[in-house]
Protein backbone atom coordinates (compact mmCIF):
# COMPACT_ATOMS: atom_id res chain seq x y z
CA UNK A 1 63.24 2.39 38.22
CA UNK A 2 62.05 5.55 36.57
CA UNK A 3 62.24 3.93 33.16
CA UNK A 4 60.33 0.92 34.46
CA UNK A 5 57.67 3.15 35.96
CA UNK A 6 57.37 5.08 32.72
CA UNK A 7 57.08 1.80 30.81
CA UNK A 8 54.45 0.53 33.23
CA UNK A 9 52.49 3.79 32.96
CA UNK A 10 52.73 3.66 29.18
CA UNK A 11 51.46 0.08 29.14
CA UNK A 12 48.66 0.97 31.52
CA UNK A 13 47.73 3.99 29.41
CA UNK A 14 47.79 1.78 26.31
CA UNK A 15 45.56 -0.78 28.01
CA UNK A 16 43.13 1.98 28.99
CA UNK A 17 43.04 3.24 25.42
CA UNK A 18 42.54 -0.29 24.11
CA UNK A 19 39.67 -0.86 26.57
CA UNK A 20 37.99 2.41 25.55
CA UNK A 21 38.50 1.59 21.88
CA UNK A 22 37.00 -1.87 22.46
CA UNK A 23 34.00 -0.34 24.25
CA UNK A 24 33.55 2.19 21.43
CA UNK A 25 33.68 -0.61 18.86
CA UNK A 26 31.08 -2.61 20.84
CA UNK A 27 28.79 0.46 20.96
CA UNK A 28 29.25 1.05 17.23
CA UNK A 29 28.51 -2.60 16.54
CA UNK A 30 25.28 -2.39 18.57
CA UNK A 31 24.29 0.80 16.76
CA UNK A 32 24.92 -0.83 13.39
CA UNK A 33 22.88 -3.88 14.44
CA UNK A 34 19.95 -1.66 15.49
CA UNK A 35 20.19 0.37 12.27
CA UNK A 36 20.22 -2.85 10.24
CA UNK A 37 17.10 -4.12 12.03
CA UNK A 38 15.39 -0.78 11.43
CA UNK A 39 16.29 -0.91 7.73
CA UNK A 40 14.85 -4.42 7.49
CA UNK A 41 11.63 -3.26 9.16
CA UNK A 42 11.40 -0.34 6.74
CA UNK A 43 11.83 -2.67 3.77
CA UNK A 44 9.14 -4.99 5.13
CA UNK A 45 6.80 -2.04 5.71
CA UNK A 46 7.41 -0.73 2.19
CA UNK A 47 6.59 -4.16 0.78
CA UNK A 48 3.37 -4.34 2.79
CA UNK A 49 2.46 -0.84 1.63
CA UNK A 50 3.14 -1.84 -1.97
CA UNK A 51 0.90 -4.90 -1.61
CA UNK A 52 -1.81 -2.72 -0.08
CA UNK A 53 -1.56 -0.23 -2.93
CA UNK A 54 -1.86 -3.07 -5.46
CA UNK A 55 -4.99 -4.29 -3.68
CA UNK A 56 -6.49 -0.80 -3.70
CA UNK A 57 -5.67 -0.45 -7.38
CA UNK A 58 -7.35 -3.79 -8.14
CA UNK A 59 -10.40 -2.76 -6.12
CA UNK A 60 -10.62 0.51 -8.04
CA UNK A 61 -10.46 -1.37 -11.36
CA UNK A 62 -13.28 -3.65 -10.16
CA UNK A 63 -15.37 -0.65 -9.06
CA UNK A 64 -14.81 0.95 -12.46
CA UNK A 65 -15.85 -2.26 -14.22
CA UNK A 66 -18.98 -2.53 -12.05
CA UNK A 67 -19.84 1.10 -12.78
CA UNK A 68 -19.52 0.49 -16.51
CA UNK A 69 -21.72 -2.61 -16.24
CA UNK A 70 -24.30 -0.66 -14.24
CA UNK A 71 -24.29 2.09 -16.88
CA UNK A 72 -24.83 -0.50 -19.62
CA UNK A 73 -27.76 -2.00 -17.69
CA UNK A 74 -29.21 1.49 -17.17
CA UNK A 75 -29.02 2.15 -20.93
CA UNK A 76 -30.69 -1.19 -21.63
CA UNK A 77 -33.43 -0.38 -19.12
CA UNK A 78 -34.00 3.00 -20.72
CA UNK A 79 -34.21 1.41 -24.17
CA UNK A 80 -36.63 -1.23 -22.87
CA UNK A 81 -38.76 1.47 -21.23
CA UNK A 82 -38.87 3.46 -24.45
CA UNK A 83 -39.88 0.33 -26.37
CA UNK A 84 -42.61 -0.40 -23.83
CA UNK A 85 -43.87 3.17 -24.15
CA UNK A 86 -44.04 2.79 -27.94
CA UNK A 87 -45.89 -0.51 -27.56
CA UNK A 88 -48.24 1.06 -25.02
CA UNK A 89 -48.99 3.92 -27.43
CA UNK A 90 -49.60 1.44 -30.23
CA UNK A 91 -51.88 -0.61 -28.02
CA UNK A 92 -53.71 2.52 -26.96
CA UNK A 93 -54.14 3.47 -30.62
CA UNK A 94 -55.42 -0.01 -31.47
CA UNK A 95 -57.87 -0.11 -28.61
CA UNK A 96 -59.00 3.41 -29.35
CA UNK A 97 -59.64 2.48 -32.99
CA UNK A 98 -61.75 -0.52 -32.05
CA UNK A 99 -63.94 1.57 -29.79
CA UNK A 100 -64.66 3.99 -32.57
CA UNK A 101 -65.91 1.25 -34.80
């Protein structure tokens, strides 16, 4: 009977170890599942951030282009103003000459 009891205890101890090992494996599996979901969320967030950065970069290029166009228009306006001033001076000279006559 002693051998049978020892065998039974050994089997029971083995079953207990197997149950704890199974529970540990289940916990590890759940942890791995959660870590995998977190990694997927990180990848999705990184993609969204990359898209956002591309949009910001495009917007900055458009702002730069608009600024350059505005500068070109400002130069054209200055040139036109200078030409108008020259014409105004010429007109003033012409009208001043006629009055003297």
